[in-house]
Amino acid sequence: MERRQILKTAGVLATGGVTSLAGCSSSGNGDGGDGGGGETTTTEPQETGGEGGSNTVMMVTEGSEYYFDPIGLFVEPGATVTFEIQSGSHSATAYKEGTGPASVTRIPDGAETFNSETLSEQGATYEHTFETSGTYDFFCIPHKTLGMVGRIVVGEAGGPAEGSMPPDGDVPESQTIVDQDSVSYSSFSG
């Protein structure tokens, strides 16, 4: 089994053990609108695959913790990432000034923004295809101020997110993400 597949399988198994369904406050319209970029929302769980498969980022509420897992993910340009509700109510929203409550831009120049709006149903998903190389920081609208942030590196590190952390929390350094392909929340926060 390839290293990338092992890491992704371990991440899915680790987040699959989360059983806490602590309530969260919700904002947004909850319908998981397409964010204007042709993204899709579905309630069917997505499989995590190896090379050429989908890449899944779980959105989790566990007690008083709200997080993305993995918190750092590396993908090649043209890859589609699936954001899936494990528990709670969450969004996957790019740090692009004017997108949701974002007041700064932390995605590459010319990159398409994304915003799932708030999803509430367990297993609900939102997909976005990353075409432009660089570093993308993102957050959860209802839990942004509680530090629910993540980072995706597409192809190679670069762009306005390099050399600093998002304004609402910490994420792994881009080079660490590139080197490891995926950084789990537990290994980063533990």
Protein backbone atom coordinates (compact mmCIF):
# COMPACT_ATOMS: atom_id res chain seq x y z
CA MET A 1 0.00 0.00 0.00
CA GLU A 2 1.38 3.41 -0.93
CA ARG A 3 2.33 5.86 1.84
CA ARG A 4 -0.32 8.37 0.73
CA GLN A 5 -3.06 5.70 0.85
CA ILE A 6 -1.92 4.53 4.30
CA LEU A 7 -2.00 8.10 5.66
CA LYS A 8 -5.44 8.78 4.19
CA THR A 9 -6.83 5.46 5.45
CA ALA A 10 -5.46 6.14 8.92
CA GLY A 11 -7.03 9.62 8.89
CA VAL A 12 -10.43 8.27 7.85
CA LEU A 13 -10.27 5.56 10.53
CA ALA A 14 -9.24 8.07 13.19
CA THR A 15 -12.06 10.45 12.37
CA GLY A 16 -14.51 7.58 11.99
CA GLY A 17 -14.15 6.94 15.72
CA VAL A 18 -15.54 10.35 16.60
CA THR A 19 -18.97 9.85 18.10
CA SER A 20 -19.61 13.12 19.87
CA LEU A 21 -22.42 15.06 18.26
CA ALA A 22 -22.20 18.18 20.40
CA GLY A 23 -24.40 20.92 18.99
CA CYS A 24 -22.96 23.93 17.26
CA SER A 25 -24.40 27.25 16.41
CA SER A 26 -25.01 27.71 12.73
CA SER A 27 -24.87 30.66 10.40
CA GLY A 28 -25.45 30.93 6.71
CA ASN A 29 -28.47 29.51 4.96
CA GLY A 30 -27.57 25.88 5.62
CA ASP A 31 -28.43 24.80 2.11
CA GLY A 32 -24.80 24.27 1.11
CA GLY A 33 -25.08 26.57 -1.88
CA ASP A 34 -22.59 26.04 -4.62
CA GLY A 35 -20.55 29.14 -3.85
CA GLY A 36 -20.72 30.17 -7.48
CA GLY A 37 -17.89 27.89 -8.59
CA GLY A 38 -19.78 24.86 -9.86
CA GLU A 39 -19.08 22.89 -6.69
CA THR A 40 -21.51 20.20 -5.64
CA THR A 41 -23.16 19.34 -2.36
CA THR A 42 -24.46 15.87 -1.60
CA THR A 43 -25.39 13.82 1.42
CA GLU A 44 -23.68 10.66 0.18
CA PRO A 45 -20.40 9.87 2.00
CA GLN A 46 -17.37 9.95 -0.30
CA GLU A 47 -14.65 7.31 -0.38
CA THR A 48 -11.07 8.42 0.09
CA GLY A 49 -8.85 7.07 -2.65
CA GLY A 50 -5.15 6.93 -3.34
CA GLU A 51 -3.50 8.41 -6.41
CA GLY A 52 -6.23 9.69 -8.71
CA GLY A 53 -8.92 9.19 -6.04
CA SER A 54 -10.77 11.81 -4.06
CA ASN A 55 -9.22 13.67 -1.15
CA THR A 56 -11.50 14.09 1.84
CA VAL A 57 -11.28 16.65 4.63
CA MET A 58 -13.57 15.81 7.55
CA MET A 59 -15.33 18.64 9.43
CA VAL A 60 -15.61 17.65 13.08
CA THR A 61 -17.17 18.73 16.37
CA GLU A 62 -15.75 16.80 19.31
CA GLY A 63 -16.77 18.17 22.71
CA SER A 64 -15.55 21.77 22.73
CA GLU A 65 -13.18 21.23 19.77
CA TYR A 66 -14.07 22.17 16.20
CA TYR A 67 -11.60 21.16 13.47
CA PHE A 68 -10.78 20.01 9.96
CA ASP A 69 -9.07 16.61 9.63
CA PRO A 70 -6.63 16.55 8.04
CA ILE A 71 -5.77 20.13 8.97
CA GLY A 72 -3.17 20.16 6.16
CA LEU A 73 -3.51 18.42 2.79
CA PHE A 74 -1.33 18.29 -0.34
CA VAL A 75 -2.94 17.74 -3.75
CA GLU A 76 -1.87 18.13 -7.37
CA PRO A 77 -3.44 20.84 -9.57
CA GLY A 78 -6.80 19.69 -10.92
CA ALA A 79 -7.59 17.56 -7.86
CA THR A 80 -11.03 17.69 -6.31
CA VAL A 81 -11.22 17.88 -2.53
CA THR A 82 -14.34 16.71 -0.71
CA PHE A 83 -15.23 18.41 2.58
CA GLU A 84 -17.47 16.08 4.62
CA ILE A 85 -19.46 16.65 7.82
CA GLN A 86 -18.37 14.08 10.42
CA SER A 87 -20.32 15.82 13.19
CA GLY A 88 -21.71 19.27 13.95
CA SER A 89 -22.50 22.13 11.56
CA HIS A 90 -19.63 23.56 9.56
CA SER A 91 -18.52 25.28 6.37
CA ALA A 92 -15.40 25.15 4.22
CA THR A 93 -14.76 28.76 3.21
CA ALA A 94 -11.69 30.22 1.49
CA TYR A 95 -9.86 33.16 3.01
CA LYS A 96 -10.68 35.46 0.10
CA GLU A 97 -11.63 39.00 1.03
CA GLY A 98 -15.39 39.33 0.53
CA THR A 99 -16.10 35.58 0.71
CA GLY A 100 -18.29 34.95 3.76
CA PRO A 101 -16.78 36.83 6.72
CA ALA A 102 -13.21 36.73 5.30
CA SER A 103 -11.46 40.08 5.67
CA VAL A 104 -8.13 38.96 4.13
CA THR A 105 -7.06 36.95 1.08
CA ARG A 106 -4.95 33.83 1.73
CA ILE A 107 -5.36 31.94 -1.55
CA PRO A 108 -3.17 32.24 -4.68
CA ASP A 109 -3.69 35.14 -7.10
CA GLY A 110 -6.19 34.16 -9.77
CA ALA A 111 -7.44 31.12 -7.83
CA GLU A 112 -11.16 30.43 -7.69
CA THR A 113 -12.66 31.05 -4.26
CA PHE A 114 -14.90 28.50 -2.52
CA ASN A 115 -17.60 28.60 0.14
CA SER A 116 -19.82 25.67 1.06
CA GLU A 117 -21.99 27.81 3.35
CA THR A 118 -22.96 25.98 6.55
CA LEU A 119 -23.74 22.27 6.19
CA SER A 120 -25.53 20.54 9.08
CA GLU A 121 -26.42 16.99 8.08
CA GLN A 122 -23.93 14.29 9.09
CA GLY A 123 -22.35 12.90 5.91
CA ALA A 124 -23.16 16.02 3.84
CA THR A 125 -20.34 16.90 1.45
CA TYR A 126 -19.06 19.82 -0.57
CA GLU A 127 -16.52 19.53 -3.37
CA HIS A 128 -14.10 22.00 -4.86
CA THR A 129 -11.57 21.46 -7.65
CA PHE A 130 -8.23 23.21 -7.11
CA GLU A 131 -6.75 24.30 -10.44
CA THR A 132 -4.23 26.97 -9.42
CA SER A 133 -0.97 25.99 -7.68
CA GLY A 134 -0.21 27.50 -4.30
CA THR A 135 -1.25 27.59 -0.66
CA TYR A 136 -4.92 27.92 0.29
CA ASP A 137 -6.06 28.73 3.82
CA PHE A 138 -9.71 28.16 4.71
CA PHE A 139 -12.03 28.33 7.72
CA CYS A 140 -15.42 27.30 9.09
CA ILE A 141 -17.88 30.22 9.20
CA PRO A 142 -19.53 29.31 12.56
CA HIS A 143 -16.22 28.35 14.23
CA LYS A 144 -13.72 30.76 12.63
CA THR A 145 -13.20 32.69 15.87
CA LEU A 146 -12.66 29.37 17.70
CA GLY A 147 -9.69 28.53 15.47
CA MET A 148 -11.32 26.10 13.00
CA VAL A 149 -8.94 26.66 10.09
CA GLY A 150 -7.13 24.46 7.58
CA ARG A 151 -4.58 24.61 4.76
CA ILE A 152 -4.35 22.93 1.36
CA VAL A 153 -1.20 23.11 -0.76
CA VAL A 154 -1.78 22.58 -4.46
CA GLY A 155 1.28 21.52 -6.46
CA GLU A 156 3.73 23.75 -4.60
CA ALA A 157 3.66 26.30 -1.80
CA GLY A 158 3.13 29.94 -2.72
CA GLY A 159 0.85 32.95 -2.58
CA PRO A 160 -0.29 35.35 0.12
CA ALA A 161 -0.64 32.62 2.78
CA GLU A 162 3.10 31.85 2.77
CA GLY A 163 5.21 32.95 5.71
CA SER A 164 2.36 33.57 8.14
CA MET A 165 -0.59 31.93 9.86
CA PRO A 166 -4.28 32.65 9.22
CA PRO A 167 -5.70 35.39 11.46
CA ASP A 168 -7.96 32.94 13.31
CA GLY A 169 -5.70 29.99 14.19
CA ASP A 170 -2.65 27.93 13.35
CA VAL A 171 -2.08 25.46 10.53
CA PRO A 172 0.95 23.35 9.53
CA GLU A 173 3.67 25.05 7.50
CA SER A 174 3.22 24.50 3.76
CA GLN A 175 6.49 22.62 3.35
CA THR A 176 5.46 20.18 6.12
CA ILE A 177 2.24 19.50 4.23
CA VAL A 178 4.13 18.96 0.96
CA ASP A 179 6.59 16.60 2.68
CA GLN A 180 3.90 14.56 4.48
CA ASP A 181 1.01 14.76 1.93
CA SER A 182 -1.43 15.03 4.84
CA VAL A 183 -1.19 16.35 8.41
CA SER A 184 -3.85 15.08 10.79
CA TYR A 185 -5.42 17.38 13.34
CA SER A 186 -4.35 15.11 16.21
CA SER A 187 -0.70 15.05 15.17
CA PHE A 188 -0.65 18.83 14.66
CA SER A 189 -2.52 19.81 17.84
CA GLY A 190 -1.25 16.95 20.03
